[in-house]
N, C-alpha and C. Protein backbone atom coordinates (compact mmCIF):
# COMPACT_ATOMS: atom_id res chain seq x y z
N UNK A 1 69.16 98.80 -129.84
CA UNK A 1 68.96 97.75 -128.90
C UNK A 1 67.49 97.73 -128.49
N UNK A 2 66.90 96.55 -128.47
CA UNK A 2 65.51 96.40 -128.07
C UNK A 2 65.47 95.72 -126.71
N UNK A 3 64.84 96.37 -125.75
CA UNK A 3 64.72 95.80 -124.42
C UNK A 3 63.69 94.69 -124.40
N UNK A 4 63.97 93.65 -123.68
CA UNK A 4 63.04 92.54 -123.53
C UNK A 4 62.46 92.58 -122.13
N UNK A 5 61.49 93.41 -121.95
CA UNK A 5 60.88 93.54 -120.63
C UNK A 5 59.37 93.46 -120.78
N UNK A 6 58.76 92.69 -119.92
CA UNK A 6 57.31 92.61 -119.93
C UNK A 6 56.76 93.66 -118.97
N UNK A 7 55.48 93.63 -118.79
CA UNK A 7 54.85 94.60 -117.93
C UNK A 7 55.20 94.43 -116.46
N UNK A 8 54.88 95.41 -115.68
CA UNK A 8 55.15 95.41 -114.25
C UNK A 8 54.46 94.20 -113.60
N UNK A 9 55.19 93.55 -112.71
CA UNK A 9 54.61 92.42 -111.99
C UNK A 9 54.80 91.08 -112.64
N UNK A 10 55.47 91.02 -113.80
CA UNK A 10 55.71 89.74 -114.47
C UNK A 10 57.14 89.30 -114.18
N UNK A 11 57.30 88.50 -113.13
CA UNK A 11 58.64 88.10 -112.71
C UNK A 11 59.25 87.05 -113.62
N UNK A 12 58.46 86.44 -114.50
CA UNK A 12 58.97 85.35 -115.33
C UNK A 12 59.80 85.83 -116.51
N UNK A 13 59.74 87.11 -116.84
CA UNK A 13 60.50 87.65 -117.96
C UNK A 13 62.00 87.62 -117.67
N UNK A 14 62.37 87.75 -116.42
CA UNK A 14 63.77 87.76 -116.05
C UNK A 14 63.96 86.95 -114.77
N UNK A 15 63.65 85.67 -114.85
CA UNK A 15 63.60 84.80 -113.68
C UNK A 15 64.94 84.68 -112.96
N UNK A 16 66.04 84.69 -113.70
CA UNK A 16 67.36 84.55 -113.07
C UNK A 16 67.64 85.73 -112.15
N UNK A 17 67.40 86.92 -112.63
CA UNK A 17 67.66 88.12 -111.81
C UNK A 17 66.67 88.19 -110.65
N UNK A 18 65.41 87.84 -110.91
CA UNK A 18 64.42 87.83 -109.84
C UNK A 18 64.84 86.86 -108.73
N UNK A 19 65.35 85.71 -109.11
CA UNK A 19 65.81 84.71 -108.14
C UNK A 19 66.98 85.25 -107.33
N UNK A 20 67.94 85.89 -108.01
CA UNK A 20 69.09 86.46 -107.31
C UNK A 20 68.65 87.51 -106.30
N UNK A 21 67.79 88.44 -106.71
CA UNK A 21 67.38 89.50 -105.80
C UNK A 21 66.55 88.95 -104.64
N UNK A 22 65.79 87.88 -104.87
CA UNK A 22 65.07 87.23 -103.78
C UNK A 22 66.06 86.70 -102.75
N UNK A 23 67.10 86.01 -103.24
CA UNK A 23 68.13 85.49 -102.33
C UNK A 23 68.83 86.62 -101.58
N UNK A 24 69.19 87.66 -102.30
CA UNK A 24 69.87 88.80 -101.69
C UNK A 24 69.03 89.40 -100.56
N UNK A 25 67.75 89.59 -100.83
CA UNK A 25 66.88 90.21 -99.83
C UNK A 25 66.64 89.29 -98.63
N UNK A 26 66.32 88.02 -98.88
CA UNK A 26 65.96 87.13 -97.78
C UNK A 26 67.16 86.63 -96.99
N UNK A 27 68.34 86.61 -97.60
CA UNK A 27 69.53 86.12 -96.91
C UNK A 27 70.42 87.23 -96.37
N UNK A 28 70.21 88.46 -96.84
CA UNK A 28 71.17 89.51 -96.46
C UNK A 28 70.52 90.84 -96.10
N UNK A 29 70.02 91.55 -97.09
CA UNK A 29 69.64 92.95 -96.85
C UNK A 29 68.46 93.12 -95.90
N UNK A 30 67.57 92.14 -95.79
CA UNK A 30 66.46 92.28 -94.86
C UNK A 30 66.93 92.31 -93.41
N UNK A 31 68.16 91.89 -93.17
CA UNK A 31 68.70 91.84 -91.81
C UNK A 31 69.74 92.92 -91.54
N UNK A 32 69.94 93.81 -92.48
CA UNK A 32 71.01 94.81 -92.37
C UNK A 32 70.45 96.23 -92.30
N UNK A 33 71.13 97.05 -91.55
CA UNK A 33 70.86 98.50 -91.52
C UNK A 33 72.18 99.18 -91.88
N UNK A 34 72.16 99.97 -92.93
CA UNK A 34 73.38 100.63 -93.39
C UNK A 34 73.32 102.12 -93.04
N UNK A 35 74.44 102.64 -92.56
CA UNK A 35 74.51 104.05 -92.20
C UNK A 35 74.92 104.91 -93.39
N UNK A 36 75.72 104.34 -94.29
CA UNK A 36 76.18 105.10 -95.45
C UNK A 36 76.04 104.25 -96.72
N UNK A 37 76.08 104.93 -97.85
CA UNK A 37 76.04 104.24 -99.13
C UNK A 37 77.27 103.34 -99.29
N UNK A 38 78.41 103.81 -98.85
CA UNK A 38 79.65 103.04 -98.95
C UNK A 38 79.56 101.76 -98.13
N UNK A 39 78.97 101.85 -96.94
CA UNK A 39 78.80 100.67 -96.09
C UNK A 39 77.89 99.65 -96.78
N UNK A 40 76.84 100.13 -97.41
CA UNK A 40 75.93 99.23 -98.13
C UNK A 40 76.64 98.58 -99.31
N UNK A 41 77.42 99.37 -100.04
CA UNK A 41 78.13 98.82 -101.20
C UNK A 41 79.16 97.78 -100.78
N UNK A 42 79.89 98.03 -99.70
CA UNK A 42 80.86 97.06 -99.19
C UNK A 42 80.18 95.77 -98.76
N UNK A 43 79.05 95.92 -98.09
CA UNK A 43 78.32 94.75 -97.62
C UNK A 43 77.77 93.93 -98.78
N UNK A 44 77.24 94.60 -99.79
CA UNK A 44 76.72 93.90 -100.97
C UNK A 44 77.84 93.21 -101.74
N UNK A 45 78.98 93.88 -101.86
CA UNK A 45 80.12 93.27 -102.54
C UNK A 45 80.54 91.99 -101.81
N UNK A 46 80.63 92.06 -100.49
CA UNK A 46 81.03 90.89 -99.71
C UNK A 46 80.01 89.76 -99.86
N UNK A 47 78.72 90.09 -99.84
CA UNK A 47 77.70 89.06 -100.00
C UNK A 47 77.83 88.37 -101.35
N UNK A 48 77.96 89.16 -102.41
CA UNK A 48 78.00 88.60 -103.76
C UNK A 48 79.30 87.87 -104.04
N UNK A 49 80.42 88.52 -103.81
CA UNK A 49 81.72 87.95 -104.20
C UNK A 49 82.27 86.93 -103.21
N UNK A 50 82.02 87.12 -101.93
CA UNK A 50 82.58 86.20 -100.94
C UNK A 50 81.62 85.06 -100.64
N UNK A 51 80.34 85.35 -100.48
CA UNK A 51 79.39 84.30 -100.11
C UNK A 51 78.66 83.71 -101.31
N UNK A 52 77.96 84.54 -102.08
CA UNK A 52 77.06 84.03 -103.12
C UNK A 52 77.79 83.22 -104.18
N UNK A 53 78.92 83.69 -104.66
CA UNK A 53 79.65 82.98 -105.71
C UNK A 53 80.55 81.88 -105.18
N UNK A 54 81.13 82.07 -104.00
CA UNK A 54 82.16 81.14 -103.54
C UNK A 54 81.68 80.11 -102.53
N UNK A 55 80.64 80.41 -101.76
CA UNK A 55 80.24 79.50 -100.69
C UNK A 55 78.82 78.98 -100.81
N UNK A 56 77.89 79.79 -101.28
CA UNK A 56 76.48 79.41 -101.30
C UNK A 56 76.23 78.32 -102.33
N UNK A 57 75.56 77.24 -101.89
CA UNK A 57 75.22 76.18 -102.84
C UNK A 57 73.98 76.60 -103.64
N UNK A 58 73.96 76.20 -104.90
CA UNK A 58 72.88 76.58 -105.80
C UNK A 58 72.17 75.33 -106.30
N UNK A 59 70.86 75.30 -106.17
CA UNK A 59 70.06 74.15 -106.59
C UNK A 59 70.31 73.79 -108.04
N UNK A 60 70.30 74.77 -108.92
CA UNK A 60 70.44 74.50 -110.36
C UNK A 60 71.83 74.01 -110.74
N UNK A 61 72.80 74.15 -109.84
CA UNK A 61 74.16 73.68 -110.11
C UNK A 61 74.46 72.38 -109.37
N UNK A 62 73.43 71.72 -108.89
CA UNK A 62 73.63 70.46 -108.19
C UNK A 62 74.10 70.66 -106.76
N UNK A 63 73.66 71.73 -106.15
CA UNK A 63 73.99 72.06 -104.75
C UNK A 63 75.48 72.25 -104.51
N UNK A 64 76.16 72.88 -105.46
CA UNK A 64 77.54 73.30 -105.27
C UNK A 64 77.59 74.81 -105.51
N UNK A 65 78.67 75.44 -105.08
CA UNK A 65 78.81 76.89 -105.29
C UNK A 65 79.11 77.17 -106.76
N UNK A 66 78.89 78.40 -107.16
CA UNK A 66 79.19 78.81 -108.54
C UNK A 66 80.66 78.59 -108.85
N UNK A 67 81.52 78.94 -107.91
CA UNK A 67 82.96 78.79 -108.12
C UNK A 67 83.34 77.32 -108.25
N UNK A 68 82.78 76.46 -107.40
CA UNK A 68 83.09 75.02 -107.48
C UNK A 68 82.58 74.43 -108.79
N UNK A 69 81.39 74.84 -109.22
CA UNK A 69 80.83 74.36 -110.48
C UNK A 69 81.72 74.76 -111.65
N UNK A 70 82.16 76.01 -111.66
CA UNK A 70 83.02 76.50 -112.75
C UNK A 70 84.36 75.77 -112.75
N UNK A 71 84.93 75.54 -111.59
CA UNK A 71 86.21 74.83 -111.50
C UNK A 71 86.06 73.41 -112.05
N UNK A 72 84.99 72.71 -111.65
CA UNK A 72 84.76 71.35 -112.15
C UNK A 72 84.57 71.36 -113.67
N UNK A 73 83.83 72.33 -114.17
CA UNK A 73 83.58 72.42 -115.61
C UNK A 73 84.88 72.66 -116.37
N UNK A 74 85.71 73.57 -115.86
CA UNK A 74 87.00 73.85 -116.52
C UNK A 74 87.89 72.62 -116.51
N UNK A 75 87.91 71.88 -115.41
CA UNK A 75 88.70 70.65 -115.35
C UNK A 75 88.21 69.63 -116.36
N UNK A 76 86.90 69.52 -116.53
CA UNK A 76 86.34 68.60 -117.52
C UNK A 76 86.74 69.02 -118.93
N UNK A 77 86.72 70.32 -119.19
CA UNK A 77 87.11 70.81 -120.52
C UNK A 77 88.58 70.51 -120.78
N UNK A 78 89.42 70.71 -119.78
CA UNK A 78 90.84 70.42 -119.93
C UNK A 78 91.08 68.94 -120.18
N UNK A 79 90.33 68.08 -119.51
CA UNK A 79 90.47 66.64 -119.71
C UNK A 79 90.05 66.26 -121.13
N UNK A 80 89.01 66.91 -121.66
CA UNK A 80 88.58 66.64 -123.04
C UNK A 80 89.65 67.04 -124.04
N UNK A 81 90.28 68.17 -123.81
CA UNK A 81 91.33 68.65 -124.71
C UNK A 81 92.51 67.68 -124.67
N UNK A 82 92.88 67.23 -123.49
CA UNK A 82 93.99 66.30 -123.36
C UNK A 82 93.68 64.94 -123.97
N UNK A 83 92.41 64.56 -123.99
CA UNK A 83 92.01 63.26 -124.54
C UNK A 83 92.03 63.25 -126.06
N UNK A 84 92.02 64.41 -126.69
CA UNK A 84 91.98 64.48 -128.16
C UNK A 84 93.32 64.32 -128.77
């Protein structure tokens, strides 16, 4: 396996992950103080699975949540299959 990583400080090599971590830091972790590793893990899980995927609107998805976008896409695929 060959890693595709550029030098330190080049955020454009992995823009999707950089964007996610920016959102995570500015919307969540910068405002939190965790006492234990487990508390941090629970909080991060809730942010990602409850808020980020299900509720947070995403610019690149037309300002809908990831879950809503996926549901709409699956419905469109089902309609295409039924139309054939």
